[in-house]
Amino acid sequence: MEVIHKIGRRKTAVARIYLSPGKGKITVNKKDVNDYFPSATLQYKVNQPLALTDNEGSFDVKVNVFGGGITGQAEAIRLALSRAMCELDEENRGVLKPEGLLTRDPRMVERKKFGQKKARKKFQFSKR
């Protein structure tokens, strides 16, 4: 099996993953996944596609991720891994789709408009 390359995005975070057969080692930006994502919640999010498809110890994952915050980065990695699992075996799609792991979350930060404080907030209006 050759290396599978997939991309996942969330907000402004972009994750490129390289999936190869191995012992289950996940490397994010040349660091171990437990060092890069200190909280257990984010580690769970990254491992979720592998756990649901019973592939936790069978693949090495090398990840390059940039942009956004750590939560957006973790969710971008999750999407990329889910896409890779589907390419690996089409039956994995039936497991991942009901969990919502194959859906690209389109929510982005709304841009700030001129003449306003923020995207929706206005400056205080004074009648007199």
N, C-alpha and C. Protein backbone atom coordinates (compact mmCIF):
# COMPACT_ATOMS: atom_id res chain seq x y z
N MET A 1 0.83 -1.19 0.00
CA MET A 1 0.00 0.00 0.00
C MET A 1 0.87 1.25 0.00
N GLU A 2 0.55 2.18 -0.87
CA GLU A 2 1.31 3.43 -0.91
C GLU A 2 0.75 4.41 0.12
N VAL A 3 1.42 5.52 0.30
CA VAL A 3 1.00 6.53 1.27
C VAL A 3 -0.24 7.26 0.76
N ILE A 4 -1.25 7.39 1.64
CA ILE A 4 -2.48 8.12 1.29
C ILE A 4 -2.34 9.54 1.80
N HIS A 5 -2.58 10.51 0.91
CA HIS A 5 -2.48 11.92 1.26
C HIS A 5 -3.87 12.55 1.17
N LYS A 6 -4.31 13.19 2.26
CA LYS A 6 -5.62 13.84 2.29
C LYS A 6 -5.53 15.19 2.99
N ILE A 7 -6.48 16.08 2.67
CA ILE A 7 -6.52 17.41 3.27
C ILE A 7 -7.84 17.60 4.00
N GLY A 8 -7.76 18.21 5.18
CA GLY A 8 -8.97 18.55 5.94
C GLY A 8 -8.88 20.01 6.35
N ARG A 9 -10.03 20.70 6.36
CA ARG A 9 -10.05 22.12 6.74
C ARG A 9 -11.13 22.37 7.77
N ARG A 10 -10.91 23.38 8.62
CA ARG A 10 -11.90 23.82 9.59
C ARG A 10 -11.57 25.26 9.96
N LYS A 11 -12.51 26.18 9.78
CA LYS A 11 -12.28 27.62 9.96
C LYS A 11 -11.07 28.02 9.12
N THR A 12 -9.97 28.47 9.72
CA THR A 12 -8.80 28.83 8.91
C THR A 12 -7.68 27.80 9.04
N ALA A 13 -7.95 26.68 9.70
CA ALA A 13 -6.94 25.63 9.88
C ALA A 13 -6.94 24.68 8.68
N VAL A 14 -5.76 24.31 8.22
CA VAL A 14 -5.61 23.36 7.12
C VAL A 14 -4.68 22.24 7.57
N ALA A 15 -5.15 21.00 7.45
CA ALA A 15 -4.36 19.84 7.86
C ALA A 15 -4.10 18.94 6.66
N ARG A 16 -2.83 18.60 6.46
CA ARG A 16 -2.45 17.64 5.42
C ARG A 16 -1.96 16.39 6.13
N ILE A 17 -2.58 15.25 5.84
CA ILE A 17 -2.15 14.02 6.50
C ILE A 17 -1.57 13.05 5.48
N TYR A 18 -0.61 12.26 5.97
CA TYR A 18 0.02 11.21 5.17
C TYR A 18 -0.13 9.91 5.95
N LEU A 19 -0.97 9.00 5.43
CA LEU A 19 -1.31 7.76 6.12
C LEU A 19 -0.52 6.62 5.51
N SER A 20 0.25 5.91 6.33
CA SER A 20 1.04 4.78 5.86
C SER A 20 0.90 3.63 6.86
N PRO A 21 1.09 2.38 6.41
CA PRO A 21 0.99 1.25 7.34
C PRO A 21 2.08 1.35 8.40
N GLY A 22 1.73 1.01 9.64
CA GLY A 22 2.72 1.11 10.72
C GLY A 22 2.16 0.63 12.04
N LYS A 23 2.66 1.24 13.12
CA LYS A 23 2.34 0.78 14.46
C LYS A 23 1.34 1.68 15.20
N GLY A 24 0.79 2.70 14.54
CA GLY A 24 -0.19 3.56 15.19
C GLY A 24 0.37 4.84 15.75
N LYS A 25 1.53 5.27 15.24
CA LYS A 25 2.17 6.51 15.73
C LYS A 25 1.59 7.71 14.98
N ILE A 26 1.12 8.71 15.73
CA ILE A 26 0.58 9.93 15.12
C ILE A 26 1.53 11.08 15.44
N THR A 27 2.05 11.72 14.39
CA THR A 27 2.98 12.84 14.54
C THR A 27 2.34 14.09 13.95
N VAL A 28 2.25 15.15 14.76
CA VAL A 28 1.66 16.41 14.31
C VAL A 28 2.75 17.48 14.34
N ASN A 29 3.10 18.03 13.18
CA ASN A 29 4.15 19.03 13.06
C ASN A 29 5.44 18.60 13.76
N LYS A 30 5.86 17.36 13.51
CA LYS A 30 7.09 16.75 14.05
C LYS A 30 7.08 16.59 15.56
N LYS A 31 5.89 16.63 16.17
CA LYS A 31 5.75 16.37 17.61
C LYS A 31 4.76 15.23 17.78
N ASP A 32 4.84 14.55 18.91
CA ASP A 32 3.88 13.50 19.22
C ASP A 32 2.51 14.15 19.43
N VAL A 33 1.44 13.44 19.09
CA VAL A 33 0.08 14.00 19.19
C VAL A 33 -0.25 14.40 20.63
N ASN A 34 0.27 13.66 21.63
CA ASN A 34 -0.01 13.98 23.04
C ASN A 34 0.73 15.24 23.49
N ASP A 35 1.84 15.56 22.85
CA ASP A 35 2.56 16.80 23.18
C ASP A 35 1.92 18.00 22.48
N TYR A 36 1.47 17.79 21.24
CA TYR A 36 0.91 18.90 20.46
C TYR A 36 -0.47 19.31 20.98
N PHE A 37 -1.31 18.30 21.29
CA PHE A 37 -2.64 18.56 21.86
C PHE A 37 -2.65 18.11 23.31
N PRO A 38 -2.47 19.04 24.26
CA PRO A 38 -2.36 18.65 25.67
C PRO A 38 -3.67 18.12 26.27
N SER A 39 -4.83 18.61 25.81
CA SER A 39 -6.09 18.19 26.43
C SER A 39 -6.57 16.86 25.86
N ALA A 40 -7.21 16.07 26.72
CA ALA A 40 -7.71 14.74 26.32
C ALA A 40 -8.83 14.85 25.29
N THR A 41 -9.60 15.93 25.35
CA THR A 41 -10.71 16.12 24.40
C THR A 41 -10.19 16.22 22.98
N LEU A 42 -9.13 17.02 22.78
CA LEU A 42 -8.57 17.20 21.44
C LEU A 42 -7.89 15.91 20.95
N GLN A 43 -7.25 15.19 21.86
CA GLN A 43 -6.63 13.91 21.49
C GLN A 43 -7.69 12.92 21.05
N TYR A 44 -8.83 12.95 21.74
CA TYR A 44 -9.95 12.07 21.38
C TYR A 44 -10.48 12.42 19.99
N LYS A 45 -10.60 13.74 19.71
CA LYS A 45 -11.10 14.18 18.40
C LYS A 45 -10.20 13.69 17.27
N VAL A 46 -8.89 13.74 17.48
CA VAL A 46 -7.93 13.32 16.46
C VAL A 46 -8.03 11.80 16.24
N ASN A 47 -8.19 11.04 17.34
CA ASN A 47 -8.22 9.57 17.25
C ASN A 47 -9.58 9.00 16.84
N GLN A 48 -10.62 9.82 16.86
CA GLN A 48 -11.99 9.35 16.64
C GLN A 48 -12.18 8.53 15.34
N PRO A 49 -11.73 9.02 14.17
CA PRO A 49 -11.94 8.22 12.94
C PRO A 49 -11.23 6.87 12.99
N LEU A 50 -10.04 6.83 13.59
CA LEU A 50 -9.29 5.57 13.68
C LEU A 50 -9.99 4.61 14.64
N ALA A 51 -10.51 5.14 15.76
CA ALA A 51 -11.19 4.30 16.76
C ALA A 51 -12.48 3.71 16.20
N LEU A 52 -13.27 4.53 15.49
CA LEU A 52 -14.55 4.06 14.96
C LEU A 52 -14.38 2.99 13.88
N THR A 53 -13.27 3.05 13.13
CA THR A 53 -13.04 2.08 12.05
C THR A 53 -12.11 0.94 12.48
N ASP A 54 -11.79 0.86 13.78
CA ASP A 54 -10.92 -0.19 14.35
C ASP A 54 -9.55 -0.26 13.68
N ASN A 55 -8.94 0.91 13.43
CA ASN A 55 -7.62 0.96 12.80
C ASN A 55 -6.60 1.66 13.69
N GLU A 56 -6.81 1.66 15.02
CA GLU A 56 -5.97 2.46 15.92
C GLU A 56 -4.49 2.09 15.89
N GLY A 57 -4.17 0.81 15.84
CA GLY A 57 -2.76 0.42 15.90
C GLY A 57 -2.16 0.02 14.58
N SER A 58 -2.85 0.25 13.47
CA SER A 58 -2.39 -0.30 12.19
C SER A 58 -1.80 0.71 11.21
N PHE A 59 -1.90 2.01 11.52
CA PHE A 59 -1.39 3.02 10.59
C PHE A 59 -0.56 4.08 11.31
N ASP A 60 0.50 4.53 10.65
CA ASP A 60 1.26 5.69 11.11
C ASP A 60 0.71 6.91 10.38
N VAL A 61 0.49 7.99 11.12
CA VAL A 61 -0.08 9.20 10.54
C VAL A 61 0.90 10.35 10.75
N LYS A 62 1.29 10.99 9.65
CA LYS A 62 2.15 12.17 9.71
C LYS A 62 1.29 13.35 9.29
N VAL A 63 1.24 14.38 10.15
CA VAL A 63 0.34 15.50 9.92
C VAL A 63 1.12 16.81 9.84
N ASN A 64 0.80 17.62 8.83
CA ASN A 64 1.25 19.01 8.77
C ASN A 64 0.00 19.86 8.91
N VAL A 65 -0.04 20.70 9.94
CA VAL A 65 -1.23 21.52 10.16
C VAL A 65 -0.81 22.95 10.46
N PHE A 66 -1.55 23.92 9.92
CA PHE A 66 -1.25 25.33 10.18
C PHE A 66 -2.53 26.13 10.13
N GLY A 67 -2.49 27.32 10.72
CA GLY A 67 -3.63 28.23 10.72
C GLY A 67 -4.62 27.89 11.82
N GLY A 68 -5.38 28.90 12.25
CA GLY A 68 -6.43 28.69 13.23
C GLY A 68 -5.90 28.40 14.62
N GLY A 69 -6.78 27.96 15.50
CA GLY A 69 -6.42 27.60 16.87
C GLY A 69 -6.30 26.10 17.00
N ILE A 70 -6.04 25.63 18.21
CA ILE A 70 -5.80 24.19 18.37
C ILE A 70 -7.07 23.36 18.17
N THR A 71 -8.23 23.90 18.53
CA THR A 71 -9.49 23.16 18.34
C THR A 71 -9.79 23.01 16.85
N GLY A 72 -9.64 24.10 16.09
CA GLY A 72 -9.85 24.05 14.65
C GLY A 72 -8.87 23.11 13.98
N GLN A 73 -7.63 23.10 14.46
CA GLN A 73 -6.61 22.22 13.90
C GLN A 73 -6.96 20.75 14.17
N ALA A 74 -7.42 20.45 15.38
CA ALA A 74 -7.79 19.07 15.73
C ALA A 74 -8.96 18.60 14.85
N GLU A 75 -9.93 19.49 14.63
CA GLU A 75 -11.08 19.10 13.81
C GLU A 75 -10.71 18.99 12.33
N ALA A 76 -9.74 19.77 11.89
CA ALA A 76 -9.24 19.65 10.51
C ALA A 76 -8.54 18.30 10.31
N ILE A 77 -7.75 17.89 11.31
CA ILE A 77 -7.07 16.59 11.26
C ILE A 77 -8.10 15.47 11.24
N ARG A 78 -9.16 15.61 12.06
CA ARG A 78 -10.22 14.60 12.13
C ARG A 78 -10.90 14.42 10.77
N LEU A 79 -11.18 15.51 10.07
CA LEU A 79 -11.81 15.44 8.76
C LEU A 79 -10.88 14.76 7.75
N ALA A 80 -9.60 15.13 7.75
CA ALA A 80 -8.64 14.53 6.82
C ALA A 80 -8.50 13.03 7.07
N LEU A 81 -8.44 12.63 8.35
CA LEU A 81 -8.33 11.20 8.69
C LEU A 81 -9.58 10.44 8.26
N SER A 82 -10.74 11.05 8.44
CA SER A 82 -12.00 10.41 8.02
C SER A 82 -12.02 10.19 6.52
N ARG A 83 -11.56 11.19 5.77
CA ARG A 83 -11.50 11.05 4.31
C ARG A 83 -10.53 9.95 3.90
N ALA A 84 -9.41 9.85 4.61
CA ALA A 84 -8.41 8.81 4.31
C ALA A 84 -8.97 7.42 4.62
N MET A 85 -9.72 7.29 5.71
CA MET A 85 -10.33 6.00 6.07
C MET A 85 -11.33 5.55 5.00
N CYS A 86 -12.05 6.52 4.41
CA CYS A 86 -13.01 6.19 3.34
C CYS A 86 -12.30 5.75 2.07
N GLU A 87 -11.15 6.36 1.78
CA GLU A 87 -10.40 5.96 0.59
C GLU A 87 -9.81 4.57 0.78
N LEU A 88 -9.42 4.27 2.02
CA LEU A 88 -8.84 2.98 2.35
C LEU A 88 -9.85 1.86 2.14
N ASP A 89 -11.04 2.04 2.69
CA ASP A 89 -12.10 1.03 2.56
C ASP A 89 -13.45 1.76 2.50
N GLU A 90 -14.21 1.52 1.44
CA GLU A 90 -15.47 2.22 1.22
C GLU A 90 -16.51 1.89 2.28
N GLU A 91 -16.35 0.74 2.97
CA GLU A 91 -17.31 0.35 4.03
C GLU A 91 -17.19 1.25 5.26
N ASN A 92 -16.04 1.90 5.43
CA ASN A 92 -15.85 2.81 6.57
C ASN A 92 -16.78 4.02 6.47
N ARG A 93 -17.21 4.33 5.27
CA ARG A 93 -18.10 5.48 5.06
C ARG A 93 -19.41 5.32 5.84
N GLY A 94 -19.93 4.12 5.88
CA GLY A 94 -21.17 3.83 6.60
C GLY A 94 -21.05 4.03 8.10
N VAL A 95 -19.83 3.92 8.63
CA VAL A 95 -19.59 4.12 10.07
C VAL A 95 -19.37 5.61 10.37
N LEU A 96 -18.62 6.28 9.50
CA LEU A 96 -18.22 7.67 9.76
C LEU A 96 -19.29 8.70 9.43
N LYS A 97 -20.09 8.44 8.39
CA LYS A 97 -21.08 9.43 7.95
C LYS A 97 -22.15 9.72 9.01
N PRO A 98 -22.74 8.70 9.67
CA PRO A 98 -23.74 9.01 10.70
C PRO A 98 -23.17 9.82 11.87
N GLU A 99 -21.88 9.68 12.13
CA GLU A 99 -21.24 10.44 13.21
C GLU A 99 -20.96 11.89 12.80
N GLY A 100 -21.12 12.20 11.52
CA GLY A 100 -20.88 13.56 11.02
C GLY A 100 -19.42 13.89 10.80
N LEU A 101 -18.59 12.86 10.64
CA LEU A 101 -17.14 13.09 10.51
C LEU A 101 -16.72 13.38 9.06
N LEU A 102 -17.62 13.19 8.11
CA LEU A 102 -17.26 13.45 6.71
C LEU A 102 -17.79 14.80 6.23
N THR A 103 -18.43 15.54 7.12
CA THR A 103 -19.02 16.83 6.75
C THR A 103 -18.02 17.95 7.01
N ARG A 104 -17.75 18.75 6.00
CA ARG A 104 -16.89 19.93 6.16
C ARG A 104 -17.71 21.01 6.83
N ASP A 105 -17.30 21.46 8.00
CA ASP A 105 -18.05 22.48 8.73
C ASP A 105 -17.78 23.84 8.09
N PRO A 106 -18.80 24.46 7.46
CA PRO A 106 -18.56 25.68 6.68
C PRO A 106 -18.51 26.96 7.50
N ARG A 107 -18.74 26.87 8.83
CA ARG A 107 -18.83 28.09 9.63
C ARG A 107 -17.47 28.78 9.73
N MET A 108 -17.44 30.04 9.30
CA MET A 108 -16.22 30.84 9.34
C MET A 108 -16.52 32.13 10.11
N VAL A 109 -15.47 32.85 10.48
CA VAL A 109 -15.65 34.12 11.16
C VAL A 109 -16.17 35.15 10.16
N GLU A 110 -17.23 35.85 10.53
CA GLU A 110 -17.79 36.87 9.66
C GLU A 110 -16.87 38.08 9.64
N ARG A 111 -16.71 38.69 8.48
CA ARG A 111 -15.78 39.82 8.37
C ARG A 111 -16.32 41.06 9.06
N LYS A 112 -15.39 41.89 9.53
CA LYS A 112 -15.75 43.17 10.14
C LYS A 112 -16.10 44.15 9.04
N LYS A 113 -17.22 44.90 9.25
CA LYS A 113 -17.63 45.89 8.26
C LYS A 113 -17.15 47.27 8.68
N PHE A 114 -16.88 48.13 7.71
CA PHE A 114 -16.43 49.49 8.01
C PHE A 114 -17.58 50.29 8.63
N GLY A 115 -17.24 51.24 9.47
CA GLY A 115 -18.26 52.04 10.15
C GLY A 115 -18.93 51.30 11.29
N GLN A 116 -18.42 50.12 11.62
CA GLN A 116 -18.96 49.35 12.74
C GLN A 116 -17.81 48.91 13.63
N LYS A 117 -18.18 48.52 14.88
CA LYS A 117 -17.17 48.09 15.84
C LYS A 117 -16.64 46.70 15.49
N LYS A 118 -17.57 45.77 15.19
CA LYS A 118 -17.22 44.40 14.82
C LYS A 118 -18.09 43.99 13.64
N ALA A 119 -18.29 42.69 13.44
CA ALA A 119 -19.09 42.22 12.30
C ALA A 119 -20.54 42.67 12.40
N ARG A 120 -21.13 42.55 13.60
CA ARG A 120 -22.53 42.93 13.78
C ARG A 120 -22.71 44.10 14.75
N LYS A 121 -21.76 44.25 15.68
CA LYS A 121 -21.88 45.30 16.70
C LYS A 121 -21.66 46.68 16.08
N LYS A 122 -22.51 47.62 16.46
CA LYS A 122 -22.40 48.98 15.92
C LYS A 122 -21.85 49.91 17.00
N PHE A 123 -21.40 51.09 16.57
CA PHE A 123 -21.03 52.13 17.53
C PHE A 123 -22.31 52.65 18.18
N GLN A 124 -22.20 53.16 19.40
CA GLN A 124 -23.38 53.63 20.12
C GLN A 124 -24.02 54.81 19.37
N PHE A 125 -25.35 54.74 19.22
CA PHE A 125 -26.09 55.76 18.49
C PHE A 125 -26.57 56.84 19.47
N SER A 126 -26.28 58.09 19.14
CA SER A 126 -26.71 59.21 19.98
C SER A 126 -27.70 60.05 19.18
N LYS A 127 -28.91 60.15 19.69
CA LYS A 127 -29.95 60.90 18.96
C LYS A 127 -29.70 62.40 19.08
N ARG A 128 -29.22 62.87 20.24
CA ARG A 128 -28.97 64.32 20.43
C ARG A 128 -27.54 64.57 20.84
